[in-house]
Amino acid sequence: MARNALAALAAPAGGKSPAPGDAPKSGTAAPVAGKAPAAADRAALVAEMRAAARDEIETARQLFALAREDSRIGYEASNHYYYLPVDLVEKVLNCRQILEGPLAPEAGP
């Protein structure tokens, strides 16, 4: 596996710690079909999505370590589905792209 792919698992997205306002808020109003959410609702939804992406990164990092130790962990027998550690690296990179792109704090609506 490429050294830079392993580095992607080790470094936080954007090299920054999460902002204090990025924590998910409970009771977030779901957007109504066909209507854009209000600015406050949008901010809450974005914060929730950012938290979910960070959680996915952390989960992928943990699973990466487990899958490297035991290749059977990446195989699901009933559906004959499997993944490789490199798939988890791709997941981290995709989540980072989301965090640094459309969900970046400075990104507009």
Protein backbone atom coordinates (compact mmCIF):
# COMPACT_ATOMS: atom_id res chain seq x y z
CA MET A 1 0.00 0.00 0.00
CA ALA A 2 1.30 3.44 -0.83
CA ARG A 3 2.82 5.44 1.99
CA ASN A 4 0.61 8.46 1.23
CA ALA A 5 -2.52 6.28 1.49
CA LEU A 6 -1.50 5.20 4.98
CA ALA A 7 -0.79 8.82 5.84
CA ALA A 8 -4.38 9.65 4.86
CA LEU A 9 -5.57 7.39 7.65
CA ALA A 10 -3.29 9.00 10.21
CA ALA A 11 -3.87 12.72 9.63
CA PRO A 12 -7.06 14.56 10.57
CA ALA A 13 -9.08 16.12 7.74
CA GLY A 14 -7.61 19.47 6.78
CA GLY A 15 -4.99 19.02 9.49
CA LYS A 16 -7.31 20.78 11.94
CA SER A 17 -9.25 19.75 15.00
CA PRO A 18 -13.04 19.94 14.75
CA ALA A 19 -14.48 23.39 15.36
CA PRO A 20 -16.47 23.79 18.58
CA GLY A 21 -19.69 24.52 16.65
CA ASP A 22 -19.44 21.32 14.62
CA ALA A 23 -21.13 19.07 17.17
CA PRO A 24 -24.43 17.59 16.02
CA LYS A 25 -27.52 19.18 17.46
CA SER A 26 -30.38 16.99 18.60
CA GLY A 27 -33.83 17.79 17.37
CA THR A 28 -32.64 19.18 14.04
CA ALA A 29 -35.59 19.91 11.79
CA ALA A 30 -35.61 17.84 8.63
CA PRO A 31 -35.96 19.86 5.43
CA VAL A 32 -39.34 19.81 3.70
CA ALA A 33 -39.30 18.37 0.18
CA GLY A 34 -39.03 21.14 -2.40
CA LYS A 35 -38.10 23.82 0.14
CA ALA A 36 -34.62 24.93 1.14
CA PRO A 37 -34.06 24.82 4.90
CA ALA A 38 -33.79 28.07 6.81
CA ALA A 39 -30.26 29.30 7.47
CA ALA A 40 -30.29 28.11 11.09
CA ASP A 41 -31.64 24.70 10.09
CA ARG A 42 -29.10 24.46 7.29
CA ALA A 43 -26.26 25.24 9.68
CA ALA A 44 -27.49 22.55 12.08
CA LEU A 45 -27.80 20.02 9.25
CA VAL A 46 -24.31 20.82 7.96
CA ALA A 47 -22.88 20.44 11.47
CA GLU A 48 -24.62 17.08 11.78
CA MET A 49 -23.27 15.92 8.40
CA ARG A 50 -19.76 17.07 9.33
CA ALA A 51 -19.95 15.09 12.58
CA ALA A 52 -21.16 12.02 10.65
CA ALA A 53 -18.26 12.31 8.18
CA ARG A 54 -15.75 12.62 11.04
CA ASP A 55 -17.31 9.57 12.72
CA GLU A 56 -17.00 7.63 9.46
CA ILE A 57 -13.32 8.56 9.25
CA GLU A 58 -12.68 7.35 12.79
CA THR A 59 -14.59 4.10 12.19
CA ALA A 60 -12.71 3.45 8.94
CA ARG A 61 -9.38 4.01 10.71
CA GLN A 62 -10.29 1.53 13.43
CA LEU A 63 -11.56 -1.04 10.95
CA PHE A 64 -8.45 -0.55 8.79
CA ALA A 65 -6.24 -1.67 11.69
CA LEU A 66 -8.45 -4.68 12.34
CA ALA A 67 -8.63 -5.68 8.67
CA ARG A 68 -4.85 -5.48 8.36
CA GLU A 69 -4.50 -7.89 11.31
CA ASP A 70 -7.11 -10.39 10.09
CA SER A 71 -8.28 -10.41 6.48
CA ARG A 72 -11.41 -12.38 7.39
CA ILE A 73 -12.85 -9.24 8.99
CA GLY A 74 -13.44 -7.68 5.56
CA TYR A 75 -15.53 -10.60 4.28
CA GLU A 76 -19.29 -10.95 4.71
CA ALA A 77 -20.20 -14.55 3.83
CA SER A 78 -23.97 -14.38 3.29
CA ASN A 79 -23.66 -11.83 0.48
CA HIS A 80 -20.16 -12.82 -0.66
CA TYR A 81 -19.16 -9.21 -0.13
CA TYR A 82 -15.65 -8.22 0.83
CA TYR A 83 -13.50 -5.15 1.05
CA LEU A 84 -9.80 -4.56 1.33
CA PRO A 85 -7.93 -2.14 3.59
CA VAL A 86 -7.45 0.12 0.57
CA ASP A 87 -11.26 0.49 0.39
CA LEU A 88 -11.14 1.96 3.90
CA VAL A 89 -8.40 4.37 2.81
CA GLU A 90 -10.67 5.46 -0.03
CA LYS A 91 -13.52 6.00 2.44
CA VAL A 92 -11.30 8.28 4.55
CA LEU A 93 -10.23 10.25 1.47
CA ASN A 94 -13.85 10.62 0.30
CA CYS A 95 -15.01 11.83 3.72
CA ARG A 96 -12.14 14.32 3.84
CA GLN A 97 -13.08 15.61 0.39
CA ILE A 98 -16.61 16.20 1.65
CA LEU A 99 -15.39 17.93 4.81
CA GLU A 100 -13.00 20.16 2.88
CA GLY A 101 -15.37 20.82 -0.03
CA PRO A 102 -19.14 21.28 0.11
CA LEU A 103 -19.32 21.03 3.91
CA ALA A 104 -16.32 23.22 4.65
CA PRO A 105 -17.18 25.97 7.16
CA GLU A 106 -16.42 28.69 4.61
CA ALA A 107 -18.45 27.00 1.82
CA GLY A 108 -21.65 28.83 0.97
CA PRO A 109 -25.09 27.33 0.26
